[in-house]
Amino acid sequence: ESVRRALLRQFQAQVDFHSAPVKTKARMREKVKGYWQEAAANKHHRDHDQDEHHDRAKHHQLPLAANIMDPIRSTVVCDGPAEMLEVVEWLVGAGAADCGLTVVRVKNKFAAADASEHDGYRDLMVSVRYAGSLNLNIIGEIQVHDRRLHALKLQMHKLYKVKRATHVTKI
């Protein structure tokens, strides 16, 4: 909530802010299972190309649940790339820190060499850590979208659910 208020104050209501529901335990289990399967496949290729294996393996640190970077998610919808960059620069600068968050990663899907890597979709994702009392740390993700691409993402979401489903009952 403090991020939403700060963003709207900083950008004078030029951006839209949406909170997503907390990722379900079932979805987090699916993601961990996927990480396990990828790690097992990568282990098989270890002898063939050590450098390539190392690059892929770094995404599968143990415990595998530690690789889930988006149990808590929100979206900032912007009017074009310039505003997207302003929001990310603000978050990486003092914006996130002023809200009690630490930026731990910025992922630029626009920089992907292969458009199919993210099903053709592009955005900027900022992973943040909240350090609460009793040494409780929570990781979350702030997705920064272009308004037109966000509208397309909303239309594509059902196809995304079909793609990731492991069984027809998961759709």
Protein backbone atom coordinates (compact mmCIF):
# COMPACT_ATOMS: atom_id res chain seq x y z
CA GLU A 1 0.00 0.00 0.00
CA SER A 2 2.86 2.40 0.79
CA VAL A 3 4.36 1.77 -2.68
CA ARG A 4 1.03 2.56 -4.34
CA ARG A 5 0.64 5.82 -2.42
CA ALA A 6 4.25 6.84 -3.07
CA LEU A 7 4.03 6.04 -6.79
CA LEU A 8 0.82 7.97 -7.22
CA ARG A 9 2.26 10.91 -5.29
CA GLN A 10 5.54 10.84 -7.25
CA PHE A 11 3.94 10.48 -10.68
CA GLN A 12 0.87 12.60 -9.90
CA ALA A 13 -1.61 9.85 -10.77
CA GLN A 14 -0.12 9.40 -14.28
CA VAL A 15 0.35 5.68 -13.62
CA ASP A 16 -2.13 2.99 -12.64
CA PHE A 17 -1.25 0.67 -9.77
CA HIS A 18 -2.81 -2.78 -9.33
CA SER A 19 -2.16 -5.29 -6.57
CA ALA A 20 -2.42 -8.96 -7.46
CA PRO A 21 -3.52 -11.69 -5.09
CA VAL A 22 -0.78 -13.52 -3.21
CA LYS A 23 0.46 -16.46 -5.27
CA THR A 24 -1.25 -19.64 -4.09
CA LYS A 25 0.60 -22.50 -2.42
CA ALA A 26 -0.47 -24.76 -5.30
CA ARG A 27 1.07 -22.41 -7.89
CA MET A 28 4.27 -22.09 -5.86
CA ARG A 29 4.48 -25.91 -5.68
CA GLU A 30 4.07 -26.06 -9.47
CA LYS A 31 6.91 -23.57 -9.91
CA VAL A 32 9.22 -25.50 -7.56
CA LYS A 33 8.41 -28.73 -9.43
CA GLY A 34 9.30 -26.98 -12.69
CA TYR A 35 12.59 -25.74 -11.21
CA TRP A 36 13.35 -29.30 -10.05
CA GLN A 37 12.67 -30.71 -13.52
CA GLU A 38 14.82 -28.03 -15.18
CA ALA A 39 17.64 -28.60 -12.68
CA ALA A 40 17.51 -32.37 -13.32
CA ALA A 41 17.61 -31.80 -17.10
CA ASN A 42 20.53 -29.39 -16.71
CA LYS A 43 22.43 -31.93 -14.62
CA HIS A 44 22.14 -34.38 -17.52
CA HIS A 45 23.87 -31.87 -19.81
CA ARG A 46 26.62 -30.96 -17.33
CA ASP A 47 29.29 -33.14 -18.93
CA HIS A 48 28.58 -31.82 -22.42
CA ASP A 49 28.97 -28.09 -21.81
CA GLN A 50 30.17 -27.03 -18.36
CA ASP A 51 29.85 -23.26 -18.99
CA GLU A 52 26.32 -23.48 -20.36
CA HIS A 53 25.32 -25.74 -17.45
CA HIS A 54 26.73 -23.24 -14.96
CA ASP A 55 24.73 -20.40 -16.53
CA ARG A 56 21.46 -22.34 -16.32
CA ALA A 57 22.16 -23.88 -12.92
CA LYS A 58 22.59 -20.50 -11.22
CA HIS A 59 18.82 -20.02 -11.57
CA HIS A 60 18.15 -23.13 -9.51
CA GLN A 61 19.75 -22.50 -6.14
CA LEU A 62 18.66 -24.63 -3.22
CA PRO A 63 16.22 -24.55 -1.63
CA LEU A 64 14.30 -24.36 -4.89
CA ALA A 65 11.52 -22.33 -3.25
CA ALA A 66 14.08 -19.52 -2.88
CA ASN A 67 13.84 -19.06 -6.66
CA ILE A 68 10.22 -17.88 -6.45
CA MET A 69 10.59 -14.14 -6.84
CA ASP A 70 6.91 -13.19 -7.09
CA PRO A 71 4.76 -14.58 -4.25
CA ILE A 72 3.54 -11.01 -3.73
CA ARG A 73 2.97 -9.04 -6.91
CA SER A 74 1.82 -5.69 -8.13
CA THR A 75 1.63 -3.95 -11.47
CA VAL A 76 2.37 -0.38 -12.48
CA VAL A 77 0.84 0.56 -15.85
CA CYS A 78 2.56 3.45 -17.64
CA ASP A 79 1.99 5.55 -20.75
CA GLY A 80 4.96 4.50 -22.86
CA PRO A 81 8.59 3.53 -22.41
CA ALA A 82 9.81 6.88 -21.07
CA GLU A 83 7.38 6.71 -18.15
CA MET A 84 8.27 3.04 -17.56
CA LEU A 85 11.93 3.99 -17.23
CA GLU A 86 11.04 6.85 -14.88
CA VAL A 87 9.17 4.45 -12.61
CA VAL A 88 12.02 1.90 -12.57
CA GLU A 89 14.63 4.63 -11.98
CA TRP A 90 12.51 5.94 -9.10
CA LEU A 91 12.19 2.46 -7.59
CA VAL A 92 15.91 1.70 -7.96
CA GLY A 93 16.74 5.13 -6.55
CA ALA A 94 15.12 6.26 -3.33
CA GLY A 95 11.53 5.26 -4.12
CA ALA A 96 11.62 1.66 -2.96
CA ALA A 97 13.84 2.45 0.03
CA ASP A 98 11.42 5.18 1.14
CA CYS A 99 8.75 2.47 1.27
CA GLY A 100 10.89 0.07 3.30
CA LEU A 101 11.89 -2.04 0.29
CA THR A 102 15.26 -3.06 -1.14
CA VAL A 103 15.54 -3.64 -4.89
CA VAL A 104 17.26 -7.00 -5.40
CA ARG A 105 16.85 -7.47 -9.16
CA VAL A 106 15.60 -5.70 -12.26
CA LYS A 107 14.64 -7.92 -15.21
CA ASN A 108 14.24 -6.28 -18.59
CA LYS A 109 12.18 -8.51 -20.89
CA PHE A 110 12.63 -5.95 -23.67
CA ALA A 111 16.29 -6.98 -23.80
CA ALA A 112 15.53 -10.67 -24.52
CA ALA A 113 17.28 -11.72 -27.74
CA ASP A 114 14.55 -14.20 -28.64
CA ALA A 115 10.97 -12.89 -28.62
CA SER A 116 9.64 -16.40 -27.97
CA GLU A 117 11.56 -16.51 -24.67
CA HIS A 118 8.68 -14.72 -22.95
CA ASP A 119 5.95 -15.70 -25.42
CA GLY A 120 6.58 -12.40 -27.20
CA TYR A 121 5.55 -10.38 -24.16
CA ARG A 122 7.72 -7.56 -22.81
CA ASP A 123 7.82 -5.68 -19.53
CA LEU A 124 10.20 -4.61 -16.76
CA MET A 125 10.14 -6.53 -13.49
CA VAL A 126 11.57 -5.19 -10.26
CA SER A 127 12.11 -7.72 -7.46
CA VAL A 128 12.02 -6.14 -4.03
CA ARG A 129 12.66 -7.39 -0.50
CA TYR A 130 10.72 -6.25 2.52
CA ALA A 131 12.54 -6.66 5.82
CA GLY A 132 10.01 -6.85 8.61
CA SER A 133 10.34 -7.35 12.32
CA LEU A 134 11.85 -10.54 13.78
CA ASN A 135 14.14 -10.85 10.75
CA LEU A 136 11.19 -11.68 8.48
CA ASN A 137 12.09 -11.06 4.82
CA ILE A 138 9.50 -11.21 2.08
CA ILE A 139 10.30 -11.05 -1.64
CA GLY A 140 7.88 -9.47 -4.07
CA GLU A 141 7.67 -8.31 -7.65
CA ILE A 142 6.61 -5.01 -9.16
CA GLN A 143 5.84 -5.42 -12.86
CA VAL A 144 6.13 -2.22 -14.89
CA HIS A 145 4.02 -2.33 -18.06
CA ASP A 146 3.32 -0.18 -21.08
CA ARG A 147 -0.42 0.51 -21.15
CA ARG A 148 -0.97 -1.02 -24.62
CA LEU A 149 1.12 -4.11 -23.85
CA HIS A 150 -0.68 -4.52 -20.52
CA ALA A 151 -4.03 -4.61 -22.31
CA LEU A 152 -2.63 -7.31 -24.59
CA LYS A 153 -1.30 -9.25 -21.59
CA LEU A 154 -4.75 -9.30 -20.02
CA GLN A 155 -6.14 -10.80 -23.24
CA MET A 156 -3.30 -13.36 -23.42
CA HIS A 157 -3.58 -14.52 -19.81
CA LYS A 158 -6.00 -17.38 -20.52
CA LEU A 159 -3.61 -18.74 -23.15
CA TYR A 160 -0.78 -18.46 -20.62
CA LYS A 161 -2.79 -20.54 -18.13
CA VAL A 162 -3.38 -23.20 -20.80
CA LYS A 163 0.33 -23.27 -21.67
CA ARG A 164 1.52 -23.77 -18.10
CA ALA A 165 -1.23 -26.25 -17.12
CA THR A 166 -0.04 -29.75 -16.37
CA HIS A 167 -3.54 -31.18 -16.66
CA VAL A 168 -6.90 -30.05 -18.05
CA THR A 169 -8.20 -29.64 -14.48
CA LYS A 170 -5.50 -27.00 -13.86
CA ILE A 171 -6.96 -24.62 -16.46
